[in-house]
PDB file of all heavy atoms in Angstrom:
ATOM      1  N   LYS A   1       0.834  -1.196   0.000  1.00  0.00           N
ATOM      2  CA  LYS A   1       0.000   0.000   0.000  1.00  0.00           C
ATOM      3  C   LYS A   1       0.873   1.251   0.000  1.00  0.00           C
ATOM      4  O   LYS A   1       1.931   1.281   0.614  1.00  0.00           O
ATOM      5  CB  LYS A   1      -0.910   0.011   1.212  1.00  0.00           C
ATOM      6  CG  LYS A   1      -1.947  -1.114   1.224  1.00  0.00           C
ATOM      7  CD  LYS A   1      -2.835  -1.001   2.452  1.00  0.00           C
ATOM      8  CE  LYS A   1      -3.872  -2.123   2.488  1.00  0.00           C
ATOM      9  NZ  LYS A   1      -4.738  -2.021   3.695  1.00  0.00           N
ATOM     10  N   MET A   2       0.373   2.281  -0.701  1.00  0.00           N
ATOM     11  CA  MET A   2       1.129   3.531  -0.798  1.00  0.00           C
ATOM     12  C   MET A   2       0.546   4.630   0.079  1.00  0.00           C
ATOM     13  O   MET A   2       1.125   5.691   0.223  1.00  0.00           O
ATOM     14  CB  MET A   2       1.167   4.015  -2.258  1.00  0.00           C
ATOM     15  CG  MET A   2       1.974   3.110  -3.173  1.00  0.00           C
ATOM     16  SD  MET A   2       1.852   3.579  -4.901  1.00  0.00           S
ATOM     17  CE  MET A   2       0.214   2.976  -5.287  1.00  0.00           C
ATOM     18  N   TRP A   3      -0.642   4.424   0.641  1.00  0.00           N
ATOM     19  CA  TRP A   3      -1.316   5.441   1.428  1.00  0.00           C
ATOM     20  C   TRP A   3      -1.411   4.993   2.885  1.00  0.00           C
ATOM     21  O   TRP A   3      -1.704   3.841   3.182  1.00  0.00           O
ATOM     22  CB  TRP A   3      -2.728   5.696   0.889  1.00  0.00           C
ATOM     23  CG  TRP A   3      -2.707   6.228  -0.505  1.00  0.00           C
ATOM     24  CD1 TRP A   3      -2.604   5.501  -1.654  1.00  0.00           C
ATOM     25  CD2 TRP A   3      -2.775   7.588  -0.892  1.00  0.00           C
ATOM     26  NE1 TRP A   3      -2.596   6.315  -2.752  1.00  0.00           N
ATOM     27  CE2 TRP A   3      -2.705   7.624  -2.311  1.00  0.00           C
ATOM     28  CE3 TRP A   3      -2.872   8.785  -0.196  1.00  0.00           C
ATOM     29  CZ2 TRP A   3      -2.754   8.800  -3.031  1.00  0.00           C
ATOM     30  CZ3 TRP A   3      -2.918   9.972  -0.924  1.00  0.00           C
ATOM     31  CH2 TRP A   3      -2.846   9.978  -2.319  1.00  0.00           C
ATOM     32  N   VAL A   4      -1.141   5.919   3.791  1.00  0.00           N
ATOM     33  CA  VAL A   4      -1.257   5.664   5.227  1.00  0.00           C
ATOM     34  C   VAL A   4      -1.977   6.836   5.871  1.00  0.00           C
ATOM     35  O   VAL A   4      -2.045   7.922   5.301  1.00  0.00           O
ATOM     36  CB  VAL A   4       0.121   5.483   5.884  1.00  0.00           C
ATOM     37  CG1 VAL A   4       0.831   4.270   5.346  1.00  0.00           C
ATOM     38  CG2 VAL A   4       0.969   6.742   5.709  1.00  0.00           C
ATOM     39  N   LYS A   5      -2.492   6.620   7.062  1.00  0.00           N
ATOM     40  CA  LYS A   5      -3.091   7.715   7.807  1.00  0.00           C
ATOM     41  C   LYS A   5      -1.997   8.606   8.390  1.00  0.00           C
ATOM     42  O   LYS A   5      -0.853   8.178   8.573  1.00  0.00           O
ATOM     43  CB  LYS A   5      -3.953   7.176   8.942  1.00  0.00           C
ATOM     44  CG  LYS A   5      -5.164   6.370   8.479  1.00  0.00           C
ATOM     45  CD  LYS A   5      -5.952   5.847   9.683  1.00  0.00           C
ATOM     46  CE  LYS A   5      -7.165   5.042   9.219  1.00  0.00           C
ATOM     47  NZ  LYS A   5      -7.936   4.509  10.371  1.00  0.00           N
ATOM     48  N   VAL A   6      -2.403   9.863   8.675  1.00  0.00           N
ATOM     49  CA  VAL A   6      -1.451  10.793   9.282  1.00  0.00           C
ATOM     50  C   VAL A   6      -0.915  10.218  10.593  1.00  0.00           C
ATOM     51  O   VAL A   6       0.286  10.299  10.896  1.00  0.00           O
ATOM     52  CB  VAL A   6      -2.128  12.166   9.505  1.00  0.00           C
ATOM     53  CG1 VAL A   6      -1.218  13.078  10.334  1.00  0.00           C
ATOM     54  CG2 VAL A   6      -2.463  12.830   8.177  1.00  0.00           C
ATOM     55  N   GLU A   7      -1.796   9.607  11.366  1.00  0.00           N
ATOM     56  CA  GLU A   7      -1.391   9.042  12.649  1.00  0.00           C
ATOM     57  C   GLU A   7      -0.326   7.965  12.460  1.00  0.00           C
ATOM     58  O   GLU A   7       0.651   7.882  13.218  1.00  0.00           O
ATOM     59  CB  GLU A   7      -2.617   8.461  13.372  1.00  0.00           C
ATOM     60  CG  GLU A   7      -2.330   7.949  14.769  1.00  0.00           C
ATOM     61  CD  GLU A   7      -3.595   7.449  15.449  1.00  0.00           C
ATOM     62  OE1 GLU A   7      -4.459   6.881  14.734  1.00  0.00           O
ATOM     63  OE2 GLU A   7      -3.712   7.633  16.671  1.00  0.00           O
ATOM     64  N   GLU A   8      -0.486   7.127  11.431  1.00  0.00           N
ATOM     65  CA  GLU A   8       0.486   6.063  11.162  1.00  0.00           C
ATOM     66  C   GLU A   8       1.831   6.648  10.736  1.00  0.00           C
ATOM     67  O   GLU A   8       2.896   6.144  11.108  1.00  0.00           O
ATOM     68  CB  GLU A   8      -0.054   5.121  10.096  1.00  0.00           C
ATOM     69  CG  GLU A   8      -1.271   4.335  10.548  1.00  0.00           C
ATOM     70  CD  GLU A   8      -1.914   3.535   9.421  1.00  0.00           C
ATOM     71  OE1 GLU A   8      -1.666   3.870   8.245  1.00  0.00           O
ATOM     72  OE2 GLU A   8      -2.644   2.583   9.718  1.00  0.00           O
ATOM     73  N   GLU A   9       1.757   7.709   9.914  1.00  0.00           N
ATOM     74  CA  GLU A   9       2.994   8.356   9.471  1.00  0.00           C
ATOM     75  C   GLU A   9       3.735   8.962  10.668  1.00  0.00           C
ATOM     76  O   GLU A   9       4.973   8.906  10.755  1.00  0.00           O
ATOM     77  CB  GLU A   9       2.678   9.431   8.424  1.00  0.00           C
ATOM     78  CG  GLU A   9       3.884  10.214   7.931  1.00  0.00           C
ATOM     79  CD  GLU A   9       4.834   9.393   7.080  1.00  0.00           C
ATOM     80  OE1 GLU A   9       4.478   8.259   6.690  1.00  0.00           O
ATOM     81  OE2 GLU A   9       5.953   9.879   6.807  1.00  0.00           O
ATOM     82  N   ILE A  10       2.988   9.560  11.616  1.00  0.00           N
ATOM     83  CA  ILE A  10       3.607  10.150  12.812  1.00  0.00           C
ATOM     84  C   ILE A  10       4.266   9.056  13.663  1.00  0.00           C
ATOM     85  O   ILE A  10       5.378   9.217  14.179  1.00  0.00           O
ATOM     86  CB  ILE A  10       2.560  10.923  13.619  1.00  0.00           C
ATOM     87  CG1 ILE A  10       2.066  12.151  12.818  1.00  0.00           C
ATOM     88  CG2 ILE A  10       3.129  11.362  14.968  1.00  0.00           C
ATOM     89  CD1 ILE A  10       3.129  13.176  12.546  1.00  0.00           C
ATOM     90  N   GLN A  11       3.560   7.909  13.824  1.00  0.00           N
ATOM     91  CA  GLN A  11       4.128   6.801  14.585  1.00  0.00           C
ATOM     92  C   GLN A  11       5.413   6.299  13.933  1.00  0.00           C
ATOM     93  O   GLN A  11       6.394   5.973  14.611  1.00  0.00           O
ATOM     94  CB  GLN A  11       3.119   5.659  14.710  1.00  0.00           C
ATOM     95  CG  GLN A  11       1.919   6.001  15.595  1.00  0.00           C
ATOM     96  CD  GLN A  11       0.863   4.912  15.577  1.00  0.00           C
ATOM     97  OE1 GLN A  11       0.984   3.920  14.851  1.00  0.00           O
ATOM     98  NE2 GLN A  11      -0.193   5.089  16.385  1.00  0.00           N
ATOM     99  N   TYR A  12       5.385   6.243  12.618  1.00  0.00           N
ATOM    100  CA  TYR A  12       6.569   5.781  11.879  1.00  0.00           C
ATOM    101  C   TYR A  12       7.747   6.705  12.150  1.00  0.00           C
ATOM    102  O   TYR A  12       8.857   6.258  12.484  1.00  0.00           O
ATOM    103  CB  TYR A  12       6.249   5.733  10.386  1.00  0.00           C
ATOM    104  CG  TYR A  12       7.445   5.477   9.500  1.00  0.00           C
ATOM    105  CD1 TYR A  12       7.914   4.185   9.284  1.00  0.00           C
ATOM    106  CD2 TYR A  12       8.131   6.533   8.890  1.00  0.00           C
ATOM    107  CE1 TYR A  12       9.023   3.958   8.487  1.00  0.00           C
ATOM    108  CE2 TYR A  12       9.230   6.314   8.107  1.00  0.00           C
ATOM    109  CZ  TYR A  12       9.674   5.025   7.894  1.00  0.00           C
ATOM    110  OH  TYR A  12      10.763   4.799   7.100  1.00  0.00           O
ATOM    111  N   ILE A  13       7.521   8.036  12.032  1.00  0.00           N
ATOM    112  CA  ILE A  13       8.641   8.967  12.191  1.00  0.00           C
ATOM    113  C   ILE A  13       9.104   9.011  13.641  1.00  0.00           C
ATOM    114  O   ILE A  13      10.285   9.234  13.949  1.00  0.00           O
ATOM    115  CB  ILE A  13       8.251  10.371  11.679  1.00  0.00           C
ATOM    116  CG1 ILE A  13       9.520  11.173  11.382  1.00  0.00           C
ATOM    117  CG2 ILE A  13       7.377  11.118  12.663  1.00  0.00           C
ATOM    118  CD1 ILE A  13      10.389  10.587  10.307  1.00  0.00           C
ATOM    119  N   GLN A  14       8.164   8.760  14.573  1.00  0.00           N
ATOM    120  CA  GLN A  14       8.560   8.713  15.980  1.00  0.00           C
ATOM    121  C   GLN A  14       9.494   7.530  16.235  1.00  0.00           C
ATOM    122  O   GLN A  14      10.505   7.652  16.926  1.00  0.00           O
ATOM    123  CB  GLN A  14       7.313   8.631  16.872  1.00  0.00           C
ATOM    124  CG  GLN A  14       7.625   8.712  18.365  1.00  0.00           C
ATOM    125  CD  GLN A  14       6.364   8.748  19.208  1.00  0.00           C
ATOM    126  OE1 GLN A  14       5.267   8.556  18.699  1.00  0.00           O
ATOM    127  NE2 GLN A  14       6.535   9.000  20.505  1.00  0.00           N
ATOM    128  N   ASN A  15       9.164   6.346  15.694  1.00  0.00           N
ATOM    129  CA  ASN A  15      10.043   5.184  15.816  1.00  0.00           C
ATOM    130  C   ASN A  15      11.403   5.461  15.190  1.00  0.00           C
ATOM    131  O   ASN A  15      12.458   5.081  15.728  1.00  0.00           O
ATOM    132  CB  ASN A  15       9.402   3.968  15.165  1.00  0.00           C
ATOM    133  CG  ASN A  15       8.240   3.426  15.982  1.00  0.00           C
ATOM    134  OD1 ASN A  15       8.271   3.457  17.217  1.00  0.00           O
ATOM    135  ND2 ASN A  15       7.216   2.920  15.311  1.00  0.00           N
ATOM    136  N   TYR A  16      11.364   6.125  14.046  1.00  0.00           N
ATOM    137  CA  TYR A  16      12.624   6.445  13.363  1.00  0.00           C
ATOM    138  C   TYR A  16      13.498   7.354  14.228  1.00  0.00           C
ATOM    139  O   TYR A  16      14.706   7.146  14.381  1.00  0.00           O
ATOM    140  CB  TYR A  16      12.329   7.089  12.018  1.00  0.00           C
ATOM    141  CG  TYR A  16      13.561   7.518  11.257  1.00  0.00           C
ATOM    142  CD1 TYR A  16      14.304   6.607  10.510  1.00  0.00           C
ATOM    143  CD2 TYR A  16      13.996   8.852  11.307  1.00  0.00           C
ATOM    144  CE1 TYR A  16      15.452   7.012   9.829  1.00  0.00           C
ATOM    145  CE2 TYR A  16      15.124   9.259  10.637  1.00  0.00           C
ATOM    146  CZ  TYR A  16      15.850   8.340   9.900  1.00  0.00           C
ATOM    147  OH  TYR A  16      16.976   8.723   9.223  1.00  0.00           O
ATOM    148  N   LEU A  17      12.862   8.388  14.816  1.00  0.00           N
ATOM    149  CA  LEU A  17      13.609   9.327  15.651  1.00  0.00           C
ATOM    150  C   LEU A  17      14.155   8.651  16.909  1.00  0.00           C
ATOM    151  O   LEU A  17      15.268   8.958  17.380  1.00  0.00           O
ATOM    152  CB  LEU A  17      12.721  10.517  16.027  1.00  0.00           C
ATOM    153  CG  LEU A  17      12.539  11.567  14.923  1.00  0.00           C
ATOM    154  CD1 LEU A  17      11.404  12.523  15.265  1.00  0.00           C
ATOM    155  CD2 LEU A  17      13.834  12.340  14.692  1.00  0.00           C
ATOM    156  N   GLU A  18      13.377   7.732  17.485  1.00  0.00           N
ATOM    157  CA  GLU A  18      13.847   7.027  18.676  1.00  0.00           C
ATOM    158  C   GLU A  18      15.089   6.192  18.349  1.00  0.00           C
ATOM    159  O   GLU A  18      16.031   6.114  19.148  1.00  0.00           O
ATOM    160  CB  GLU A  18      12.733   6.152  19.237  1.00  0.00           C
ATOM    161  CG  GLU A  18      11.659   6.915  19.983  1.00  0.00           C
ATOM    162  CD  GLU A  18      12.184   7.604  21.237  1.00  0.00           C
ATOM    163  OE1 GLU A  18      13.143   7.075  21.854  1.00  0.00           O
ATOM    164  OE2 GLU A  18      11.659   8.684  21.599  1.00  0.00           O
ATOM    165  N   LEU A  19      15.073   5.542  17.191  1.00  0.00           N
ATOM    166  CA  LEU A  19      16.253   4.762  16.793  1.00  0.00           C
ATOM    167  C   LEU A  19      17.463   5.672  16.608  1.00  0.00           C
ATOM    168  O   LEU A  19      18.581   5.345  17.026  1.00  0.00           O
ATOM    169  CB  LEU A  19      15.963   4.005  15.492  1.00  0.00           C
ATOM    170  CG  LEU A  19      15.012   2.809  15.596  1.00  0.00           C
ATOM    171  CD1 LEU A  19      14.736   2.237  14.220  1.00  0.00           C
ATOM    172  CD2 LEU A  19      15.611   1.730  16.514  1.00  0.00           C
ATOM    173  N   GLN A  20      17.221   6.856  15.956  1.00  0.00           N
ATOM    174  CA  GLN A  20      18.326   7.790  15.755  1.00  0.00           C
ATOM    175  C   GLN A  20      18.834   8.341  17.096  1.00  0.00           C
ATOM    176  O   GLN A  20      20.037   8.532  17.298  1.00  0.00           O
ATOM    177  CB  GLN A  20      17.878   8.939  14.847  1.00  0.00           C
ATOM    178  CG  GLN A  20      17.618   8.536  13.410  1.00  0.00           C
ATOM    179  CD  GLN A  20      18.900   8.203  12.673  1.00  0.00           C
ATOM    180  OE1 GLN A  20      20.025   8.445  13.170  1.00  0.00           O
ATOM    181  NE2 GLN A  20      18.758   7.574  11.503  1.00  0.00           N
ATOM    182  N   LYS A  21      17.891   8.586  18.010  1.00  0.00           N
ATOM    183  CA  LYS A  21      18.262   9.102  19.318  1.00  0.00           C
ATOM    184  C   LYS A  21      19.099   8.090  20.088  1.00  0.00           C
ATOM    185  O   LYS A  21      20.039   8.432  20.817  1.00  0.00           O
ATOM    186  CB  LYS A  21      17.000   9.474  20.087  1.00  0.00           C
ATOM    187  CG  LYS A  21      17.266  10.274  21.351  1.00  0.00           C
ATOM    188  CD  LYS A  21      15.955  10.744  21.979  1.00  0.00           C
ATOM    189  CE  LYS A  21      16.239  11.529  23.250  1.00  0.00           C
ATOM    190  NZ  LYS A  21      14.979  11.987  23.885  1.00  0.00           N
ATOM    191  N   SER A  22      18.750   6.808  19.947  1.00  0.00           N
ATOM    192  CA  SER A  22      19.534   5.750  20.579  1.00  0.00           C
ATOM    193  C   SER A  22      20.935   5.702  20.003  1.00  0.00           C
ATOM    194  O   SER A  22      21.904   5.362  20.691  1.00  0.00           O
ATOM    195  CB  SER A  22      18.831   4.401  20.408  1.00  0.00           C
ATOM    196  OG  SER A  22      17.570   4.413  21.019  1.00  0.00           O
ATOM    197  N   ARG A  23      21.047   6.058  18.727  1.00  0.00           N
ATOM    198  CA  ARG A  23      22.345   5.983  18.050  1.00  0.00           C
ATOM    199  C   ARG A  23      23.264   7.132  18.447  1.00  0.00           C
ATOM    200  O   ARG A  23      24.452   6.933  18.702  1.00  0.00           O
ATOM    201  CB  ARG A  23      22.149   5.969  16.528  1.00  0.00           C
ATOM    202  CG  ARG A  23      23.442   5.831  15.734  1.00  0.00           C
ATOM    203  CD  ARG A  23      23.155   5.718  14.252  1.00  0.00           C
ATOM    204  NE  ARG A  23      22.547   6.935  13.732  1.00  0.00           N
ATOM    205  CZ  ARG A  23      23.267   7.993  13.302  1.00  0.00           C
ATOM    206  NH1 ARG A  23      24.584   7.966  13.346  1.00  0.00           N
ATOM    207  NH2 ARG A  23      22.661   9.045  12.834  1.00  0.00           N
ATOM    208  N   ILE A  24      22.698   8.368  18.479  1.00  0.00           N
ATOM    209  CA  ILE A  24      23.578   9.523  18.703  1.00  0.00           C
ATOM    210  C   ILE A  24      23.421  10.134  20.085  1.00  0.00           C
ATOM    211  O   ILE A  24      24.076  11.120  20.412  1.00  0.00           O
ATOM    212  CB  ILE A  24      23.340  10.596  17.627  1.00  0.00           C
ATOM    213  CG1 ILE A  24      21.897  11.105  17.695  1.00  0.00           C
ATOM    214  CG2 ILE A  24      23.665  10.070  16.247  1.00  0.00           C
ATOM    215  CD1 ILE A  24      21.623  12.200  16.668  1.00  0.00           C
ATOM    216  N   GLY A  25      22.522   9.573  20.874  1.00  0.00           N
ATOM    217  CA  GLY A  25      22.425   9.974  22.279  1.00  0.00           C
ATOM    218  C   GLY A  25      21.823  11.345  22.480  1.00  0.00           C
ATOM    219  O   GLY A  25      20.894  11.754  21.791  1.00  0.00           O
ATOM    220  N   LYS A  26      22.431  12.086  23.479  1.00  0.00           N
ATOM    221  CA  LYS A  26      21.852  13.367  23.880  1.00  0.00           C
ATOM    222  C   LYS A  26      22.072  14.475  22.852  1.00  0.00           C
ATOM    223  O   LYS A  26      21.579  15.588  23.020  1.00  0.00           O
ATOM    224  CB  LYS A  26      22.466  13.793  25.222  1.00  0.00           C
ATOM    225  CG  LYS A  26      22.095  12.873  26.374  1.00  0.00           C
ATOM    226  CD  LYS A  26      22.682  13.361  27.676  1.00  0.00           C
ATOM    227  CE  LYS A  26      22.298  12.449  28.837  1.00  0.00           C
ATOM    228  NZ  LYS A  26      22.849  12.935  30.125  1.00  0.00           N
ATOM    229  N   ARG A  27      22.801  14.176  21.825  1.00  0.00           N
ATOM    230  CA  ARG A  27      22.985  15.203  20.792  1.00  0.00           C
ATOM    231  C   ARG A  27      21.716  15.422  19.975  1.00  0.00           C
ATOM    232  O   ARG A  27      21.666  16.325  19.143  1.00  0.00           O
ATOM    233  CB  ARG A  27      24.134  14.796  19.853  1.00  0.00           C
ATOM    234  CG  ARG A  27      25.488  14.885  20.540  1.00  0.00           C
ATOM    235  CD  ARG A  27      26.626  14.738  19.553  1.00  0.00           C
ATOM    236  NE  ARG A  27      26.664  13.412  18.951  1.00  0.00           N
ATOM    237  CZ  ARG A  27      26.601  13.194  17.637  1.00  0.00           C
ATOM    238  NH1 ARG A  27      26.472  14.200  16.799  1.00  0.00           N
ATOM    239  NH2 ARG A  27      26.654  11.955  17.176  1.00  0.00           N
ATOM    240  N   LEU A  28      20.682  14.611  20.195  1.00  0.00           N
ATOM    241  CA  LEU A  28      19.427  14.745  19.428  1.00  0.00           C
ATOM    242  C   LEU A  28      18.268  14.789  20.403  1.00  0.00           C
ATOM    243  O   LEU A  28      18.194  13.998  21.360  1.00  0.00           O
ATOM    244  CB  LEU A  28      19.252  13.563  18.466  1.00  0.00           C
ATOM    245  CG  LEU A  28      17.890  13.479  17.766  1.00  0.00           C
ATOM    246  CD1 LEU A  28      17.683  14.684  16.849  1.00  0.00           C
ATOM    247  CD2 LEU A  28      17.786  12.169  16.961  1.00  0.00           C
ATOM    248  N   ASN A  29      17.347  15.708  20.123  1.00  0.00           N
ATOM    249  CA  ASN A  29      16.081  15.773  20.842  1.00  0.00           C
ATOM    250  C   ASN A  29      14.999  16.151  19.825  1.00  0.00           C
ATOM    251  O   ASN A  29      15.294  16.753  18.782  1.00  0.00           O
ATOM    252  CB  ASN A  29      16.134  16.803  21.969  1.00  0.00           C
ATOM    253  CG  ASN A  29      15.002  16.584  22.987  1.00  0.00           C
ATOM    254  OD1 ASN A  29      14.224  15.623  22.860  1.00  0.00           O
ATOM    255  ND2 ASN A  29      14.911  17.445  23.971  1.00  0.00           N
ATOM    256  N   TYR A  30      13.758  15.814  20.121  1.00  0.00           N
ATOM    257  CA  TYR A  30      12.693  16.130  19.165  1.00  0.00           C
ATOM    258  C   TYR A  30      11.388  16.340  19.903  1.00  0.00           C
ATOM    259  O   TYR A  30      11.231  15.949  21.067  1.00  0.00           O
ATOM    260  CB  TYR A  30      12.539  15.004  18.129  1.00  0.00           C
ATOM    261  CG  TYR A  30      11.972  13.724  18.692  1.00  0.00           C
ATOM    262  CD1 TYR A  30      10.587  13.493  18.692  1.00  0.00           C
ATOM    263  CD2 TYR A  30      12.811  12.724  19.200  1.00  0.00           C
ATOM    264  CE1 TYR A  30      10.078  12.309  19.208  1.00  0.00           C
ATOM    265  CE2 TYR A  30      12.304  11.560  19.725  1.00  0.00           C
ATOM    266  CZ  TYR A  30      10.924  11.347  19.719  1.00  0.00           C
ATOM    267  OH  TYR A  30      10.401  10.198  20.217  1.00  0.00           O
ATOM    268  N   SER A  31      10.432  16.962  19.188  1.00  0.00           N
ATOM    269  CA  SER A  31       9.053  17.107  19.687  1.00  0.00           C
ATOM    270  C   SER A  31       8.113  16.917  18.510  1.00  0.00           C
ATOM    271  O   SER A  31       8.418  17.333  17.384  1.00  0.00           O
ATOM    272  CB  SER A  31       8.847  18.480  20.337  1.00  0.00           C
ATOM    273  OG  SER A  31       8.983  19.514  19.384  1.00  0.00           O
ATOM    274  N   ILE A  32       6.957  16.284  18.779  1.00  0.00           N
ATOM    275  CA  ILE A  32       5.986  16.009  17.717  1.00  0.00           C
ATOM    276  C   ILE A  32       4.613  16.494  18.173  1.00  0.00           C
ATOM    277  O   ILE A  32       4.186  16.214  19.293  1.00  0.00           O
ATOM    278  CB  ILE A  32       5.923  14.509  17.383  1.00  0.00           C
ATOM    279  CG1 ILE A  32       7.275  14.012  16.861  1.00  0.00           C
ATOM    280  CG2 ILE A  32       4.825  14.236  16.369  1.00  0.00           C
ATOM    281  CD1 ILE A  32       7.322  12.525  16.604  1.00  0.00           C
TER     282      ILE A  32
END
């Protein structure tokens, strides 16, 4: 499928950011 809900897209980017945060530590912070 090529279409997702906004909520699903937000969850996806949140997971992505958490993985990046685990990688680079306190040098990264975010808000959604």
